Amino acid sequence: MNSVLLPRQLRGEMATMAVNGYPHETCGVLAGTCAGGEVRVERVFQARNLNVERARDRYELAPHDLMSADQSAREAGLEIVGFWHTHPDRPARPSETDREAAWNEYSYVILSVSDARVEDLRSWRLNGGGFVEERVVT
């Protein structure tokens, strides 16, 4: 099982962005390093959700925000290691829509947000046709 090292401070930043975006899905980019089955997240970026029609249960990460996060990560000697988004009032498990949009080799952190607070945070990685859960370590 892969592990994702996600420091408490960065978890807190993501939680703040998630709560501020509730009841809509919020999303962003994870930057860090990846080696030996361990993903080390060192920076989190928020991105705009371009899906305004179904913002309550869908997200579309703004390409410009992805490019900006990638540039900032590279300048810091980091790489894009994954993405994060929220599931308002739903479990922190990937949906079929998440699976269809996912890319191999990246971690997908999902935060379950309910009543304007984070209920759960889990990470997933696409493996073949489905997701496998990654262990999140602080």
Protein backbone atom coordinates (compact mmCIF):
# COMPACT_ATOMS: atom_id res chain seq x y z
CA MET A 1 0.00 0.00 0.00
CA ASN A 2 1.33 3.41 -0.95
CA SER A 3 1.43 6.08 1.71
CA VAL A 4 0.85 9.82 1.51
CA LEU A 5 2.72 12.02 3.96
CA LEU A 6 0.42 15.00 4.49
CA PRO A 7 1.62 17.29 7.30
CA ARG A 8 -0.96 18.64 9.76
CA GLN A 9 -0.43 22.22 8.61
CA LEU A 10 -1.29 21.30 5.01
CA ARG A 11 -4.29 19.23 6.16
CA GLY A 12 -5.42 22.34 8.01
CA GLU A 13 -5.03 24.50 4.90
CA MET A 14 -7.08 22.03 2.86
CA ALA A 15 -9.74 21.86 5.57
CA THR A 16 -10.06 25.64 5.60
CA MET A 17 -10.45 25.75 1.81
CA ALA A 18 -12.97 22.88 1.97
CA VAL A 19 -15.10 24.53 4.65
CA ASN A 20 -14.97 27.91 2.88
CA GLY A 21 -16.20 26.27 -0.33
CA TYR A 22 -19.04 24.32 1.27
CA PRO A 23 -21.65 23.38 0.05
CA HIS A 24 -19.88 23.27 -3.32
CA GLU A 25 -17.05 20.97 -4.34
CA THR A 26 -13.67 22.63 -3.99
CA CYS A 27 -10.54 21.32 -5.62
CA GLY A 28 -6.84 21.78 -5.98
CA VAL A 29 -3.37 20.44 -6.62
CA LEU A 30 -0.86 18.61 -4.42
CA ALA A 31 2.85 19.30 -4.95
CA GLY A 32 5.76 17.42 -3.45
CA THR A 33 7.91 14.40 -4.17
CA CYS A 34 7.28 10.74 -4.83
CA ALA A 35 9.76 7.93 -4.25
CA GLY A 36 9.63 4.32 -3.16
CA GLY A 37 5.86 4.15 -2.84
CA GLU A 38 5.68 7.24 -0.63
CA VAL A 39 4.17 10.51 -1.71
CA ARG A 40 5.38 13.52 0.31
CA VAL A 41 3.05 16.50 -0.02
CA GLU A 42 4.87 19.77 0.59
CA ARG A 43 2.44 22.31 -0.84
CA VAL A 44 -1.28 22.47 -1.56
CA PHE A 45 -2.91 24.78 -4.06
CA GLN A 46 -6.56 25.63 -4.49
CA ALA A 47 -8.00 25.78 -7.99
CA ARG A 48 -11.24 27.19 -9.28
CA ASN A 49 -14.05 24.74 -9.94
CA LEU A 50 -15.25 25.52 -13.46
CA ASN A 51 -18.31 23.28 -13.15
CA VAL A 52 -20.85 25.84 -12.00
CA GLU A 53 -23.95 23.93 -13.11
CA ARG A 54 -23.25 20.96 -10.81
CA ALA A 55 -20.80 22.49 -8.35
CA ARG A 56 -22.53 20.65 -5.50
CA ASP A 57 -21.42 17.24 -6.80
CA ARG A 58 -18.89 17.77 -9.60
CA TYR A 59 -15.66 19.62 -10.13
CA GLU A 60 -13.63 20.65 -13.12
CA LEU A 61 -10.22 21.96 -12.14
CA ALA A 62 -9.39 25.18 -13.99
CA PRO A 63 -6.52 24.46 -16.44
CA HIS A 64 -4.91 27.86 -15.82
CA ASP A 65 -4.80 27.13 -12.07
CA LEU A 66 -3.22 23.72 -12.75
CA MET A 67 -0.55 25.33 -14.92
CA SER A 68 0.11 27.99 -12.29
CA ALA A 69 0.45 25.35 -9.54
CA ASP A 70 2.78 23.31 -11.76
CA GLN A 71 4.99 26.34 -12.39
CA SER A 72 5.13 27.22 -8.67
CA ALA A 73 5.94 23.61 -7.81
CA ARG A 74 8.76 23.42 -10.36
CA GLU A 75 10.24 26.69 -9.12
CA ALA A 76 10.35 25.12 -5.63
CA GLY A 77 11.97 21.91 -6.95
CA LEU A 78 8.73 19.95 -6.54
CA GLU A 79 6.37 18.13 -8.87
CA ILE A 80 2.64 17.61 -9.08
CA VAL A 81 1.97 14.44 -7.05
CA GLY A 82 -1.80 14.55 -6.96
CA PHE A 83 -5.04 16.40 -6.68
CA TRP A 84 -7.61 17.03 -3.97
CA HIS A 85 -11.30 17.76 -3.93
CA THR A 86 -14.26 17.68 -1.59
CA HIS A 87 -17.40 15.60 -1.42
CA PRO A 88 -20.00 17.80 0.28
CA ASP A 89 -22.30 15.67 2.45
CA ARG A 90 -20.92 12.47 0.91
CA PRO A 91 -18.23 9.95 1.91
CA ALA A 92 -14.54 10.50 1.08
CA ARG A 93 -14.67 7.71 -1.51
CA PRO A 94 -14.13 8.16 -5.25
CA SER A 95 -17.23 8.30 -7.40
CA GLU A 96 -17.56 6.81 -10.86
CA THR A 97 -17.10 10.34 -12.22
CA ASP A 98 -13.85 10.61 -10.24
CA ARG A 99 -12.64 7.31 -11.71
CA GLU A 100 -13.43 8.36 -15.27
CA ALA A 101 -11.43 11.59 -14.87
CA ALA A 102 -8.48 10.16 -12.92
CA TRP A 103 -4.96 9.66 -14.22
CA ASN A 104 -2.56 6.89 -13.22
CA GLU A 105 0.45 7.77 -11.04
CA TYR A 106 -1.32 10.46 -9.00
CA SER A 107 -2.79 10.55 -5.51
CA TYR A 108 -6.36 11.75 -5.14
CA VAL A 109 -7.18 13.14 -1.71
CA ILE A 110 -10.90 13.44 -1.02
CA LEU A 111 -12.30 15.38 1.92
CA SER A 112 -15.82 14.62 3.09
CA VAL A 113 -17.40 17.92 4.18
CA SER A 114 -20.65 17.97 6.13
CA ASP A 115 -22.32 20.82 7.98
CA ALA A 116 -19.40 23.05 7.00
CA ARG A 117 -16.72 20.89 8.66
CA VAL A 118 -14.40 18.14 7.42
CA GLU A 119 -15.68 14.74 8.47
CA ASP A 120 -13.07 12.54 6.82
CA LEU A 121 -9.97 12.72 4.61
CA ARG A 122 -8.76 9.78 2.53
CA SER A 123 -6.38 9.27 -0.37
CA TRP A 124 -6.76 7.05 -3.42
CA ARG A 125 -4.66 6.00 -6.40
CA LEU A 126 -5.94 4.68 -9.71
CA ASN A 127 -4.72 1.13 -10.28
CA GLY A 128 -5.89 -0.40 -13.52
CA GLY A 129 -9.61 0.24 -13.74
CA GLY A 130 -10.27 1.11 -10.11
CA PHE A 131 -8.98 2.96 -7.08
CA VAL A 132 -6.93 1.56 -4.22
CA GLU A 133 -6.74 3.40 -0.94
CA GLU A 134 -3.47 4.96 0.18
CA ARG A 135 -2.46 5.29 3.83
CA VAL A 136 -2.42 8.97 4.91
CA VAL A 137 0.31 9.81 7.43
CA THR A 138 0.76 13.15 9.18
